[in-house]
Amino acid sequence: MGKRSSGNSGRLRIKKISKVRESHIELKVSEIAKARGWLSFKWVSPSQRGVPDRMYFKDGELVIIEFKAPDKKPTAYQLAIHRRLKDAGFHVHVVDNIRSGLELLC
């Protein structure tokens, strides 16, 4: 979807609205979390695909986040990993906007 605007020619033009990328949300949340005193680690596991994106640590608390672009959902494989983590006693938060991420890390 886009915004409609009229130029000097009187014709209607469609301006493309750029979509927010998952990487932008993750970067902003991580920057602010670090400023708030959270330790932030990117979870990369070459031998196990589907792991959540980030782990945040502060004051004995662990917050695990799977970042997604707005209105995107985790894949079935990612959800299976989330269930395994839940069975181990850990909750994975799925975040698709900056505000929701920061609410978890206040």
C-alpha atoms as a PDB file:
ATOM      1  CA  MET A   1       0.000   0.000   0.000  1.00  0.00           C
ATOM      2  CA  GLY A   2       1.162   3.531  -0.510  1.00  0.00           C
ATOM      3  CA  LYS A   3       0.268   7.122   0.069  1.00  0.00           C
ATOM      4  CA  ARG A   4      -1.299   9.089  -2.707  1.00  0.00           C
ATOM      5  CA  SER A   5       0.038  12.495  -3.474  1.00  0.00           C
ATOM      6  CA  SER A   6      -0.510  14.981  -6.202  1.00  0.00           C
ATOM      7  CA  GLY A   7       2.517  16.518  -7.825  1.00  0.00           C
ATOM      8  CA  ASN A   8       2.764  19.793  -9.659  1.00  0.00           C
ATOM      9  CA  SER A   9       1.377  18.137 -12.761  1.00  0.00           C
ATOM     10  CA  GLY A  10      -1.953  17.420 -11.097  1.00  0.00           C
ATOM     11  CA  ARG A  11      -1.585  13.682 -11.668  1.00  0.00           C
ATOM     12  CA  LEU A  12      -1.976  11.234  -8.840  1.00  0.00           C
ATOM     13  CA  ARG A  13       1.244   9.415  -7.901  1.00  0.00           C
ATOM     14  CA  ILE A  14       1.691   6.529  -5.524  1.00  0.00           C
ATOM     15  CA  LYS A  15       4.538   6.897  -3.044  1.00  0.00           C
ATOM     16  CA  LYS A  16       5.910   3.600  -1.877  1.00  0.00           C
ATOM     17  CA  ILE A  17       6.044   3.216   1.890  1.00  0.00           C
ATOM     18  CA  SER A  18       9.133   1.297   2.886  1.00  0.00           C
ATOM     19  CA  LYS A  19       8.572  -1.740   5.055  1.00  0.00           C
ATOM     20  CA  VAL A  20      10.338  -2.032   8.372  1.00  0.00           C
ATOM     21  CA  ARG A  21      12.849  -4.849   8.272  1.00  0.00           C
ATOM     22  CA  GLU A  22      13.341  -7.405  11.030  1.00  0.00           C
ATOM     23  CA  SER A  23      17.005  -6.385  11.256  1.00  0.00           C
ATOM     24  CA  HIS A  24      16.040  -2.748  11.946  1.00  0.00           C
ATOM     25  CA  ILE A  25      13.747  -3.762  14.813  1.00  0.00           C
ATOM     26  CA  GLU A  26      16.416  -6.037  16.286  1.00  0.00           C
ATOM     27  CA  LEU A  27      19.109  -3.349  16.000  1.00  0.00           C
ATOM     28  CA  LYS A  28      17.021  -0.619  17.669  1.00  0.00           C
ATOM     29  CA  VAL A  29      15.789  -2.851  20.485  1.00  0.00           C
ATOM     30  CA  SER A  30      19.333  -4.080  21.136  1.00  0.00           C
ATOM     31  CA  GLU A  31      20.808  -0.557  21.148  1.00  0.00           C
ATOM     32  CA  ILE A  32      18.272   0.686  23.688  1.00  0.00           C
ATOM     33  CA  ALA A  33      18.488  -2.500  25.778  1.00  0.00           C
ATOM     34  CA  LYS A  34      22.267  -2.094  26.050  1.00  0.00           C
ATOM     35  CA  ALA A  35      21.789   1.547  27.102  1.00  0.00           C
ATOM     36  CA  ARG A  36      19.416   0.270  29.821  1.00  0.00           C
ATOM     37  CA  GLY A  37      22.087  -2.104  31.143  1.00  0.00           C
ATOM     38  CA  TRP A  38      21.082  -5.364  29.464  1.00  0.00           C
ATOM     39  CA  LEU A  39      23.728  -7.745  28.121  1.00  0.00           C
ATOM     40  CA  SER A  40      22.710  -8.662  24.595  1.00  0.00           C
ATOM     41  CA  PHE A  41      23.914 -11.707  22.684  1.00  0.00           C
ATOM     42  CA  LYS A  42      23.025 -12.744  19.147  1.00  0.00           C
ATOM     43  CA  TRP A  43      22.148 -16.433  19.195  1.00  0.00           C
ATOM     44  CA  VAL A  44      23.862 -18.086  16.234  1.00  0.00           C
ATOM     45  CA  SER A  45      23.964 -21.861  16.103  1.00  0.00           C
ATOM     46  CA  PRO A  46      25.471 -23.308  12.929  1.00  0.00           C
ATOM     47  CA  SER A  47      24.499 -26.835  13.953  1.00  0.00           C
ATOM     48  CA  GLN A  48      20.903 -25.958  14.911  1.00  0.00           C
ATOM     49  CA  ARG A  49      18.773 -23.785  12.683  1.00  0.00           C
ATOM     50  CA  GLY A  50      15.645 -22.108  13.994  1.00  0.00           C
ATOM     51  CA  VAL A  51      17.032 -20.781  17.273  1.00  0.00           C
ATOM     52  CA  PRO A  52      15.703 -17.395  18.450  1.00  0.00           C
ATOM     53  CA  ASP A  53      17.572 -14.242  17.432  1.00  0.00           C
ATOM     54  CA  ARG A  54      18.709 -12.742  20.735  1.00  0.00           C
ATOM     55  CA  MET A  55      19.179 -13.380  24.421  1.00  0.00           C
ATOM     56  CA  TYR A  56      19.180 -10.497  26.917  1.00  0.00           C
ATOM     57  CA  PHE A  57      20.503 -10.783  30.473  1.00  0.00           C
ATOM     58  CA  LYS A  58      20.085  -8.403  33.412  1.00  0.00           C
ATOM     59  CA  ASP A  59      19.821  -8.801  37.179  1.00  0.00           C
ATOM     60  CA  GLY A  60      19.446 -12.589  37.011  1.00  0.00           C
ATOM     61  CA  GLU A  61      16.748 -12.381  34.331  1.00  0.00           C
ATOM     62  CA  LEU A  62      16.880 -13.901  30.844  1.00  0.00           C
ATOM     63  CA  VAL A  63      14.694 -12.641  27.986  1.00  0.00           C
ATOM     64  CA  ILE A  64      14.774 -14.603  24.722  1.00  0.00           C
ATOM     65  CA  ILE A  65      13.426 -12.840  21.632  1.00  0.00           C
ATOM     66  CA  GLU A  66      12.600 -13.996  18.124  1.00  0.00           C
ATOM     67  CA  PHE A  67      12.419 -10.868  15.965  1.00  0.00           C
ATOM     68  CA  LYS A  68      10.099 -10.721  12.973  1.00  0.00           C
ATOM     69  CA  ALA A  69       9.160  -8.101  10.412  1.00  0.00           C
ATOM     70  CA  PRO A  70       5.768  -6.522  11.148  1.00  0.00           C
ATOM     71  CA  ASP A  71       2.921  -9.008  10.729  1.00  0.00           C
ATOM     72  CA  LYS A  72       5.288 -11.910  10.008  1.00  0.00           C
ATOM     73  CA  LYS A  73       5.100 -15.123  12.023  1.00  0.00           C
ATOM     74  CA  PRO A  74       7.736 -17.677  13.059  1.00  0.00           C
ATOM     75  CA  THR A  75       8.181 -20.652  10.767  1.00  0.00           C
ATOM     76  CA  ALA A  76       6.951 -24.074  11.827  1.00  0.00           C
ATOM     77  CA  TYR A  77      10.540 -25.070  12.540  1.00  0.00           C
ATOM     78  CA  GLN A  78      11.105 -21.997  14.703  1.00  0.00           C
ATOM     79  CA  LEU A  79       7.912 -22.761  16.617  1.00  0.00           C
ATOM     80  CA  ALA A  80       9.172 -26.296  17.241  1.00  0.00           C
ATOM     81  CA  ILE A  81      12.362 -24.836  18.755  1.00  0.00           C
ATOM     82  CA  HIS A  82      10.254 -22.425  20.838  1.00  0.00           C
ATOM     83  CA  ARG A  83       8.269 -25.409  22.175  1.00  0.00           C
ATOM     84  CA  ARG A  84      11.486 -27.240  23.087  1.00  0.00           C
ATOM     85  CA  LEU A  85      12.708 -24.180  24.965  1.00  0.00           C
ATOM     86  CA  LYS A  86       9.344 -23.860  26.711  1.00  0.00           C
ATOM     87  CA  ASP A  87       9.558 -27.503  27.748  1.00  0.00           C
ATOM     88  CA  ALA A  88      12.977 -26.665  29.229  1.00  0.00           C
ATOM     89  CA  GLY A  89      11.425 -23.803  31.216  1.00  0.00           C
ATOM     90  CA  PHE A  90      12.177 -20.829  28.956  1.00  0.00           C
ATOM     91  CA  HIS A  91       9.716 -18.559  27.144  1.00  0.00           C
ATOM     92  CA  VAL A  92      10.519 -17.160  23.693  1.00  0.00           C
ATOM     93  CA  HIS A  93       8.943 -13.788  22.954  1.00  0.00           C
ATOM     94  CA  VAL A  94       8.076 -13.039  19.337  1.00  0.00           C
ATOM     95  CA  VAL A  95       8.530  -9.321  18.628  1.00  0.00           C
ATOM     96  CA  ASP A  96       7.559  -7.559  15.401  1.00  0.00           C
ATOM     97  CA  ASN A  97       7.923  -3.920  16.471  1.00  0.00           C
ATOM     98  CA  ILE A  98      10.321  -1.815  18.519  1.00  0.00           C
ATOM     99  CA  ARG A  99       7.800  -0.837  21.189  1.00  0.00           C
ATOM    100  CA  SER A 100       6.945  -4.447  22.076  1.00  0.00           C
ATOM    101  CA  GLY A 101      10.632  -5.301  22.368  1.00  0.00           C
ATOM    102  CA  LEU A 102      11.317  -2.380  24.658  1.00  0.00           C
ATOM    103  CA  GLU A 103       8.319  -3.214  26.852  1.00  0.00           C
ATOM    104  CA  LEU A 104       9.945  -6.580  27.566  1.00  0.00           C
ATOM    105  CA  LEU A 105      13.247  -4.908  28.455  1.00  0.00           C
ATOM    106  CA  CYS A 106      12.136  -1.985  30.628  1.00  0.00           C
END
